[in-house]
Amino acid sequence: MVKEGGLFKSEGRILIWLSDDERKIPVKVNTKVIIGSIDAELKEYSGLNGPLKSKIE
């Protein structure tokens, strides 16, 4: 959960890329904060039932 205050403002946006399969797993996140920006990308995973069929390009 992201709370208002600190690095995060009440306005703005956060972009979340989801896998294009039925699981809709968050694979990438991008947002701007007061001191710059935050970019996160899923590098590995474990504990899923079956393979992840989506590709990150």
C-alpha atoms as a PDB file:
ATOM      1  CA  MET A   1       0.000   0.000   0.000  1.00  0.00           C
ATOM      2  CA  VAL A   2       1.291   3.452  -0.916  1.00  0.00           C
ATOM      3  CA  LYS A   3       0.326   6.187   1.531  1.00  0.00           C
ATOM      4  CA  GLU A   4       0.206   9.895   0.759  1.00  0.00           C
ATOM      5  CA  GLY A   5       3.054  11.913   2.212  1.00  0.00           C
ATOM      6  CA  GLY A   6       6.768  11.290   2.404  1.00  0.00           C
ATOM      7  CA  LEU A   7       8.026  10.613  -1.135  1.00  0.00           C
ATOM      8  CA  PHE A   8       4.537  10.185  -2.615  1.00  0.00           C
ATOM      9  CA  LYS A   9       2.114  12.992  -3.476  1.00  0.00           C
ATOM     10  CA  SER A  10      -1.674  12.728  -3.577  1.00  0.00           C
ATOM     11  CA  GLU A  11      -1.695  13.660  -7.275  1.00  0.00           C
ATOM     12  CA  GLY A  12       0.222  11.983 -10.068  1.00  0.00           C
ATOM     13  CA  ARG A  13       0.145   8.497 -11.434  1.00  0.00           C
ATOM     14  CA  ILE A  14       1.631   5.085 -11.029  1.00  0.00           C
ATOM     15  CA  LEU A  15       1.964   2.828 -14.068  1.00  0.00           C
ATOM     16  CA  ILE A  16       1.687  -0.911 -13.471  1.00  0.00           C
ATOM     17  CA  TRP A  17       2.288  -3.438 -16.253  1.00  0.00           C
ATOM     18  CA  LEU A  18       0.484  -6.754 -15.755  1.00  0.00           C
ATOM     19  CA  SER A  19       1.189 -10.090 -17.402  1.00  0.00           C
ATOM     20  CA  ASP A  20      -1.154 -10.727 -20.344  1.00  0.00           C
ATOM     21  CA  ASP A  21      -2.363 -14.077 -19.054  1.00  0.00           C
ATOM     22  CA  GLU A  22      -5.170 -14.993 -16.653  1.00  0.00           C
ATOM     23  CA  ARG A  23      -2.959 -14.349 -13.593  1.00  0.00           C
ATOM     24  CA  LYS A  24      -2.416 -10.600 -14.251  1.00  0.00           C
ATOM     25  CA  ILE A  25       0.859 -10.624 -12.313  1.00  0.00           C
ATOM     26  CA  PRO A  26       2.452  -7.163 -11.857  1.00  0.00           C
ATOM     27  CA  VAL A  27       5.686  -7.360 -13.873  1.00  0.00           C
ATOM     28  CA  LYS A  28       6.751  -3.700 -14.017  1.00  0.00           C
ATOM     29  CA  VAL A  29       6.003  -0.492 -12.075  1.00  0.00           C
ATOM     30  CA  ASN A  30       6.896   3.149 -12.768  1.00  0.00           C
ATOM     31  CA  THR A  31       6.065   6.258 -10.747  1.00  0.00           C
ATOM     32  CA  LYS A  32       7.487   9.703 -10.055  1.00  0.00           C
ATOM     33  CA  VAL A  33       8.311  10.773  -6.509  1.00  0.00           C
ATOM     34  CA  ILE A  34       9.494  14.046  -4.997  1.00  0.00           C
ATOM     35  CA  ILE A  35      13.191  13.234  -5.450  1.00  0.00           C
ATOM     36  CA  GLY A  36      12.998  11.523  -8.870  1.00  0.00           C
ATOM     37  CA  SER A  37      11.297   8.351 -10.035  1.00  0.00           C
ATOM     38  CA  ILE A  38      10.934   4.696  -9.122  1.00  0.00           C
ATOM     39  CA  ASP A  39      11.183   1.938 -11.730  1.00  0.00           C
ATOM     40  CA  ALA A  40      10.767  -1.708 -10.749  1.00  0.00           C
ATOM     41  CA  GLU A  41      10.768  -4.814 -12.945  1.00  0.00           C
ATOM     42  CA  LEU A  42      10.085  -8.437 -12.038  1.00  0.00           C
ATOM     43  CA  LYS A  43      13.352 -10.348 -12.484  1.00  0.00           C
ATOM     44  CA  GLU A  44      12.398 -13.751 -11.101  1.00  0.00           C
ATOM     45  CA  TYR A  45       9.519 -15.481  -9.408  1.00  0.00           C
ATOM     46  CA  SER A  46       8.769 -18.633  -7.463  1.00  0.00           C
ATOM     47  CA  GLY A  47       5.795 -20.418  -6.000  1.00  0.00           C
ATOM     48  CA  LEU A  48       3.506 -20.111  -9.027  1.00  0.00           C
ATOM     49  CA  ASN A  49       1.406 -23.078 -10.018  1.00  0.00           C
ATOM     50  CA  GLY A  50       2.692 -23.684 -13.558  1.00  0.00           C
ATOM     51  CA  PRO A  51       4.894 -21.594 -15.881  1.00  0.00           C
ATOM     52  CA  LEU A  52       4.544 -17.868 -16.514  1.00  0.00           C
ATOM     53  CA  LYS A  53       3.475 -17.703 -20.174  1.00  0.00           C
ATOM     54  CA  SER A  54       3.927 -13.949 -20.681  1.00  0.00           C
ATOM     55  CA  LYS A  55       7.183 -12.432 -21.927  1.00  0.00           C
ATOM     56  CA  ILE A  56       8.783  -9.210 -20.714  1.00  0.00           C
ATOM     57  CA  GLU A  57      10.382  -7.303 -23.574  1.00  0.00           C
END
